[in-house]
Amino acid sequence: MARLIKVNPFVGRGEEETAAYLEAQLPGAWSIICNKELIDPRGSAREVDFIIVAQHTVFLVEEKSWSGAIHGNENGWVLRSGESYLDPLGKVEYLARRLAGLLRRNVPGLAAVVKDQDHFVLARILLSAQDAKVFVHDPRVREQVLLLAQSV
C-alpha cells in the first residue's frame, strides 16, 4: 500500500476515488501527493491532482472523470456530451517540466544525478470513469493516457 499525502481537499469525487485506488494498488515504497499547488518564481500557481514519487521516477498525474467516447487530436479533446477542452496533455507536460525544474533547483544533489535532458518527471492523464474510451489522434496518448483500471 502506497503512502497517501493529502495537501489540500479533493476537488471532485473522481480524485478521491482515484487516490484510494492508487493508495491500495501502488507499491508500499511509493508516495502519492494529492492536490498540490506548484508556484512558479513569478508567483502564479497551478494545482496538480497527483504527484506520485516512485523509486527512480516521479509521475505528475491529472485525473479526469470524463466518461464515454473521447475524440480529438493534439489541439483539443471533445467529450460525448459535446464539451470540448484544450489538449490536456499539453498542460500536464508543462506542469511536469515545471516540477522537474523545481526539484532540480531545490533537492540537494539531484542535479548531479539527473541531467537537464533527462525526463525523470513523467506526465500522465488518468481517466477514472470505467466507460472512458479514447479516440484521440495524438502519438502521446498511447503512453501518457491511462485508464484507471489498467493503470497499475
C-alpha atoms as a PDB file:
ATOM      1  CA  MET A   1       0.000   0.000   0.000  1.00  0.00           C
ATOM      2  CA  ALA A   2       1.442   3.351  -1.064  1.00  0.00           C
ATOM      3  CA  ARG A   3       1.683   6.329   1.277  1.00  0.00           C
ATOM      4  CA  LEU A   4      -1.049   8.916   0.606  1.00  0.00           C
ATOM      5  CA  ILE A   5      -0.339  12.565   1.469  1.00  0.00           C
ATOM      6  CA  LYS A   6      -3.306  14.945   1.152  1.00  0.00           C
ATOM      7  CA  VAL A   7      -2.073  18.514   0.808  1.00  0.00           C
ATOM      8  CA  ASN A   8      -5.457  20.103   0.063  1.00  0.00           C
ATOM      9  CA  PRO A   9      -9.041  18.772  -0.057  1.00  0.00           C
ATOM     10  CA  PHE A  10     -10.063  16.778  -3.114  1.00  0.00           C
ATOM     11  CA  VAL A  11     -11.730  18.844  -5.820  1.00  0.00           C
ATOM     12  CA  GLY A  12     -14.042  16.109  -7.047  1.00  0.00           C
ATOM     13  CA  ARG A  13     -15.308  12.627  -6.319  1.00  0.00           C
ATOM     14  CA  GLY A  14     -13.162  11.191  -9.131  1.00  0.00           C
ATOM     15  CA  GLU A  15      -9.984  12.458  -7.488  1.00  0.00           C
ATOM     16  CA  GLU A  16     -10.896  10.947  -4.129  1.00  0.00           C
ATOM     17  CA  GLU A  17     -11.769   7.552  -5.622  1.00  0.00           C
ATOM     18  CA  THR A  18      -8.607   7.603  -7.738  1.00  0.00           C
ATOM     19  CA  ALA A  19      -6.477   8.423  -4.688  1.00  0.00           C
ATOM     20  CA  ALA A  20      -7.951   5.476  -2.758  1.00  0.00           C
ATOM     21  CA  TYR A  21      -7.381   3.136  -5.710  1.00  0.00           C
ATOM     22  CA  LEU A  22      -3.775   4.262  -6.208  1.00  0.00           C
ATOM     23  CA  GLU A  23      -3.045   4.035  -2.485  1.00  0.00           C
ATOM     24  CA  ALA A  24      -4.269   0.431  -2.424  1.00  0.00           C
ATOM     25  CA  GLN A  25      -2.620  -0.684  -5.670  1.00  0.00           C
ATOM     26  CA  LEU A  26       0.782   1.022  -5.829  1.00  0.00           C
ATOM     27  CA  PRO A  27       3.881  -0.366  -4.077  1.00  0.00           C
ATOM     28  CA  GLY A  28       4.421   0.499  -0.413  1.00  0.00           C
ATOM     29  CA  ALA A  29       7.654   2.350  -1.127  1.00  0.00           C
ATOM     30  CA  TRP A  30       5.816   4.867  -3.334  1.00  0.00           C
ATOM     31  CA  SER A  31       4.214   8.120  -2.160  1.00  0.00           C
ATOM     32  CA  ILE A  32       1.174   9.862  -3.633  1.00  0.00           C
ATOM     33  CA  ILE A  33       0.881  13.604  -3.026  1.00  0.00           C
ATOM     34  CA  CYS A  34      -2.667  14.834  -3.669  1.00  0.00           C
ATOM     35  CA  ASN A  35      -3.804  18.297  -4.773  1.00  0.00           C
ATOM     36  CA  LYS A  36      -0.513  20.129  -4.537  1.00  0.00           C
ATOM     37  CA  GLU A  37      -0.130  23.650  -5.891  1.00  0.00           C
ATOM     38  CA  LEU A  38       3.009  24.401  -7.860  1.00  0.00           C
ATOM     39  CA  ILE A  39       4.087  28.030  -7.547  1.00  0.00           C
ATOM     40  CA  ASP A  40       6.442  29.404 -10.176  1.00  0.00           C
ATOM     41  CA  PRO A  41       9.057  32.105  -9.475  1.00  0.00           C
ATOM     42  CA  ARG A  42       6.660  34.792 -10.767  1.00  0.00           C
ATOM     43  CA  GLY A  43       4.069  33.719  -8.200  1.00  0.00           C
ATOM     44  CA  SER A  44       1.477  32.018 -10.407  1.00  0.00           C
ATOM     45  CA  ALA A  45       0.012  28.820  -9.001  1.00  0.00           C
ATOM     46  CA  ARG A  46      -1.214  25.669 -10.734  1.00  0.00           C
ATOM     47  CA  GLU A  47      -2.960  22.811  -8.963  1.00  0.00           C
ATOM     48  CA  VAL A  48      -1.752  19.265  -9.642  1.00  0.00           C
ATOM     49  CA  ASP A  49      -4.056  16.329  -8.906  1.00  0.00           C
ATOM     50  CA  PHE A  50      -1.333  13.794  -8.054  1.00  0.00           C
ATOM     51  CA  ILE A  51       2.420  13.690  -7.776  1.00  0.00           C
ATOM     52  CA  ILE A  52       3.473  10.064  -7.480  1.00  0.00           C
ATOM     53  CA  VAL A  53       7.010   9.511  -6.234  1.00  0.00           C
ATOM     54  CA  ALA A  54       8.340   6.121  -7.278  1.00  0.00           C
ATOM     55  CA  GLN A  55      11.808   4.679  -6.796  1.00  0.00           C
ATOM     56  CA  HIS A  56      13.563   6.364  -9.754  1.00  0.00           C
ATOM     57  CA  THR A  57      10.753   8.371 -11.331  1.00  0.00           C
ATOM     58  CA  VAL A  58       8.172  10.984 -10.458  1.00  0.00           C
ATOM     59  CA  PHE A  59       4.770  10.950 -12.183  1.00  0.00           C
ATOM     60  CA  LEU A  60       2.710  14.108 -12.464  1.00  0.00           C
ATOM     61  CA  VAL A  61      -0.870  12.918 -12.963  1.00  0.00           C
ATOM     62  CA  GLU A  62      -4.033  14.786 -13.883  1.00  0.00           C
ATOM     63  CA  GLU A  63      -7.204  12.818 -13.150  1.00  0.00           C
ATOM     64  CA  LYS A  64     -10.160  13.277 -15.460  1.00  0.00           C
ATOM     65  CA  SER A  65     -13.506  11.666 -14.654  1.00  0.00           C
ATOM     66  CA  TRP A  66     -14.616  12.036 -18.269  1.00  0.00           C
ATOM     67  CA  SER A  67     -16.784   9.160 -19.421  1.00  0.00           C
ATOM     68  CA  GLY A  68     -17.738   7.643 -22.746  1.00  0.00           C
ATOM     69  CA  ALA A  69     -16.024   8.254 -26.047  1.00  0.00           C
ATOM     70  CA  ILE A  70     -13.400  10.992 -26.099  1.00  0.00           C
ATOM     71  CA  HIS A  71     -12.356  12.233 -29.542  1.00  0.00           C
ATOM     72  CA  GLY A  72      -9.714  14.718 -30.546  1.00  0.00           C
ATOM     73  CA  ASN A  73      -6.153  15.422 -31.537  1.00  0.00           C
ATOM     74  CA  GLU A  74      -3.101  17.269 -30.227  1.00  0.00           C
ATOM     75  CA  ASN A  75      -5.098  20.528 -30.184  1.00  0.00           C
ATOM     76  CA  GLY A  76      -8.245  19.580 -28.294  1.00  0.00           C
ATOM     77  CA  TRP A  77     -10.486  16.834 -26.977  1.00  0.00           C
ATOM     78  CA  VAL A  78     -14.267  16.536 -27.304  1.00  0.00           C
ATOM     79  CA  LEU A  79     -16.378  14.573 -24.824  1.00  0.00           C
ATOM     80  CA  ARG A  80     -19.531  12.640 -25.711  1.00  0.00           C
ATOM     81  CA  SER A  81     -21.536  15.466 -24.116  1.00  0.00           C
ATOM     82  CA  GLY A  82     -20.151  17.836 -26.762  1.00  0.00           C
ATOM     83  CA  GLU A  83     -17.950  19.704 -24.287  1.00  0.00           C
ATOM     84  CA  SER A  84     -14.523  20.499 -25.698  1.00  0.00           C
ATOM     85  CA  TYR A  85     -11.229  21.119 -23.931  1.00  0.00           C
ATOM     86  CA  LEU A  86      -7.776  22.174 -24.943  1.00  0.00           C
ATOM     87  CA  ASP A  87      -5.485  19.158 -25.178  1.00  0.00           C
ATOM     88  CA  PRO A  88      -4.872  18.203 -21.520  1.00  0.00           C
ATOM     89  CA  LEU A  89      -1.554  16.548 -22.413  1.00  0.00           C
ATOM     90  CA  GLY A  90      -0.032  19.952 -23.173  1.00  0.00           C
ATOM     91  CA  LYS A  91      -0.959  21.220 -19.708  1.00  0.00           C
ATOM     92  CA  VAL A  92       0.282  18.145 -17.862  1.00  0.00           C
ATOM     93  CA  GLU A  93       3.565  18.119 -19.823  1.00  0.00           C
ATOM     94  CA  TYR A  94       4.108  21.792 -18.956  1.00  0.00           C
ATOM     95  CA  LEU A  95       3.472  21.076 -15.281  1.00  0.00           C
ATOM     96  CA  ALA A  96       5.833  18.074 -15.363  1.00  0.00           C
ATOM     97  CA  ARG A  97       8.631  20.269 -16.788  1.00  0.00           C
ATOM     98  CA  ARG A  98       7.922  22.886 -14.126  1.00  0.00           C
ATOM     99  CA  LEU A  99       8.051  20.296 -11.342  1.00  0.00           C
ATOM    100  CA  ALA A 100      11.298  18.850 -12.740  1.00  0.00           C
ATOM    101  CA  GLY A 101      12.890  22.316 -12.685  1.00  0.00           C
ATOM    102  CA  LEU A 102      11.647  22.958  -9.163  1.00  0.00           C
ATOM    103  CA  LEU A 103      13.108  19.662  -7.960  1.00  0.00           C
ATOM    104  CA  ARG A 104      16.441  20.257  -9.738  1.00  0.00           C
ATOM    105  CA  ARG A 105      16.767  23.657  -8.058  1.00  0.00           C
ATOM    106  CA  ASN A 106      15.693  22.574  -4.570  1.00  0.00           C
ATOM    107  CA  VAL A 107      16.741  18.962  -3.967  1.00  0.00           C
ATOM    108  CA  PRO A 108      20.408  18.840  -2.958  1.00  0.00           C
ATOM    109  CA  GLY A 109      22.454  16.540  -5.156  1.00  0.00           C
ATOM    110  CA  LEU A 110      19.670  15.887  -7.676  1.00  0.00           C
ATOM    111  CA  ALA A 111      21.265  17.995 -10.413  1.00  0.00           C
ATOM    112  CA  ALA A 112      24.407  15.848 -10.198  1.00  0.00           C
ATOM    113  CA  VAL A 113      22.401  12.652 -10.704  1.00  0.00           C
ATOM    114  CA  VAL A 114      19.817  13.842 -13.234  1.00  0.00           C
ATOM    115  CA  LYS A 115      20.986  15.665 -16.360  1.00  0.00           C
ATOM    116  CA  ASP A 116      18.979  18.579 -17.801  1.00  0.00           C
ATOM    117  CA  GLN A 117      17.775  16.493 -20.740  1.00  0.00           C
ATOM    118  CA  ASP A 118      16.723  13.534 -18.571  1.00  0.00           C
ATOM    119  CA  HIS A 119      12.984  13.165 -18.131  1.00  0.00           C
ATOM    120  CA  PHE A 120      12.539  11.963 -14.580  1.00  0.00           C
ATOM    121  CA  VAL A 121       9.145  13.621 -14.099  1.00  0.00           C
ATOM    122  CA  LEU A 122       6.677  11.901 -16.416  1.00  0.00           C
ATOM    123  CA  ALA A 123       3.344  13.451 -17.405  1.00  0.00           C
ATOM    124  CA  ARG A 124       0.209  11.303 -17.357  1.00  0.00           C
ATOM    125  CA  ILE A 125      -3.550  11.737 -17.774  1.00  0.00           C
ATOM    126  CA  LEU A 126      -5.572   9.207 -15.771  1.00  0.00           C
ATOM    127  CA  LEU A 127      -9.164   8.652 -16.893  1.00  0.00           C
ATOM    128  CA  SER A 128     -11.092   7.378 -13.882  1.00  0.00           C
ATOM    129  CA  ALA A 129     -14.510   6.667 -15.437  1.00  0.00           C
ATOM    130  CA  GLN A 130     -14.855   2.948 -16.161  1.00  0.00           C
ATOM    131  CA  ASP A 131     -16.547   3.535 -19.524  1.00  0.00           C
ATOM    132  CA  ALA A 132     -13.986   6.019 -20.865  1.00  0.00           C
ATOM    133  CA  LYS A 133     -12.760   5.230 -24.372  1.00  0.00           C
ATOM    134  CA  VAL A 134     -10.073   7.333 -26.023  1.00  0.00           C
ATOM    135  CA  PHE A 135     -10.168   8.084 -29.757  1.00  0.00           C
ATOM    136  CA  VAL A 136      -7.602  10.876 -29.785  1.00  0.00           C
ATOM    137  CA  HIS A 137      -5.214  11.156 -32.742  1.00  0.00           C
ATOM    138  CA  ASP A 138      -2.043  12.096 -30.911  1.00  0.00           C
ATOM    139  CA  PRO A 139       1.014   9.810 -30.668  1.00  0.00           C
ATOM    140  CA  ARG A 140       1.477  10.732 -26.979  1.00  0.00           C
ATOM    141  CA  VAL A 141      -1.846   9.137 -26.000  1.00  0.00           C
ATOM    142  CA  ARG A 142      -0.524   5.564 -26.184  1.00  0.00           C
ATOM    143  CA  GLU A 143       1.994   6.169 -23.408  1.00  0.00           C
ATOM    144  CA  GLN A 144       0.611   9.134 -21.486  1.00  0.00           C
ATOM    145  CA  VAL A 145      -3.138   8.489 -21.190  1.00  0.00           C
ATOM    146  CA  LEU A 146      -4.156   5.686 -18.834  1.00  0.00           C
ATOM    147  CA  LEU A 147      -7.466   4.166 -17.849  1.00  0.00           C
ATOM    148  CA  LEU A 148      -7.623   3.815 -14.054  1.00  0.00           C
ATOM    149  CA  ALA A 149      -8.488   0.105 -14.039  1.00  0.00           C
ATOM    150  CA  GLN A 150      -5.495  -0.609 -16.329  1.00  0.00           C
ATOM    151  CA  SER A 151      -3.034   1.815 -14.742  1.00  0.00           C
ATOM    152  CA  VAL A 152      -1.252  -0.371 -12.183  1.00  0.00           C
END
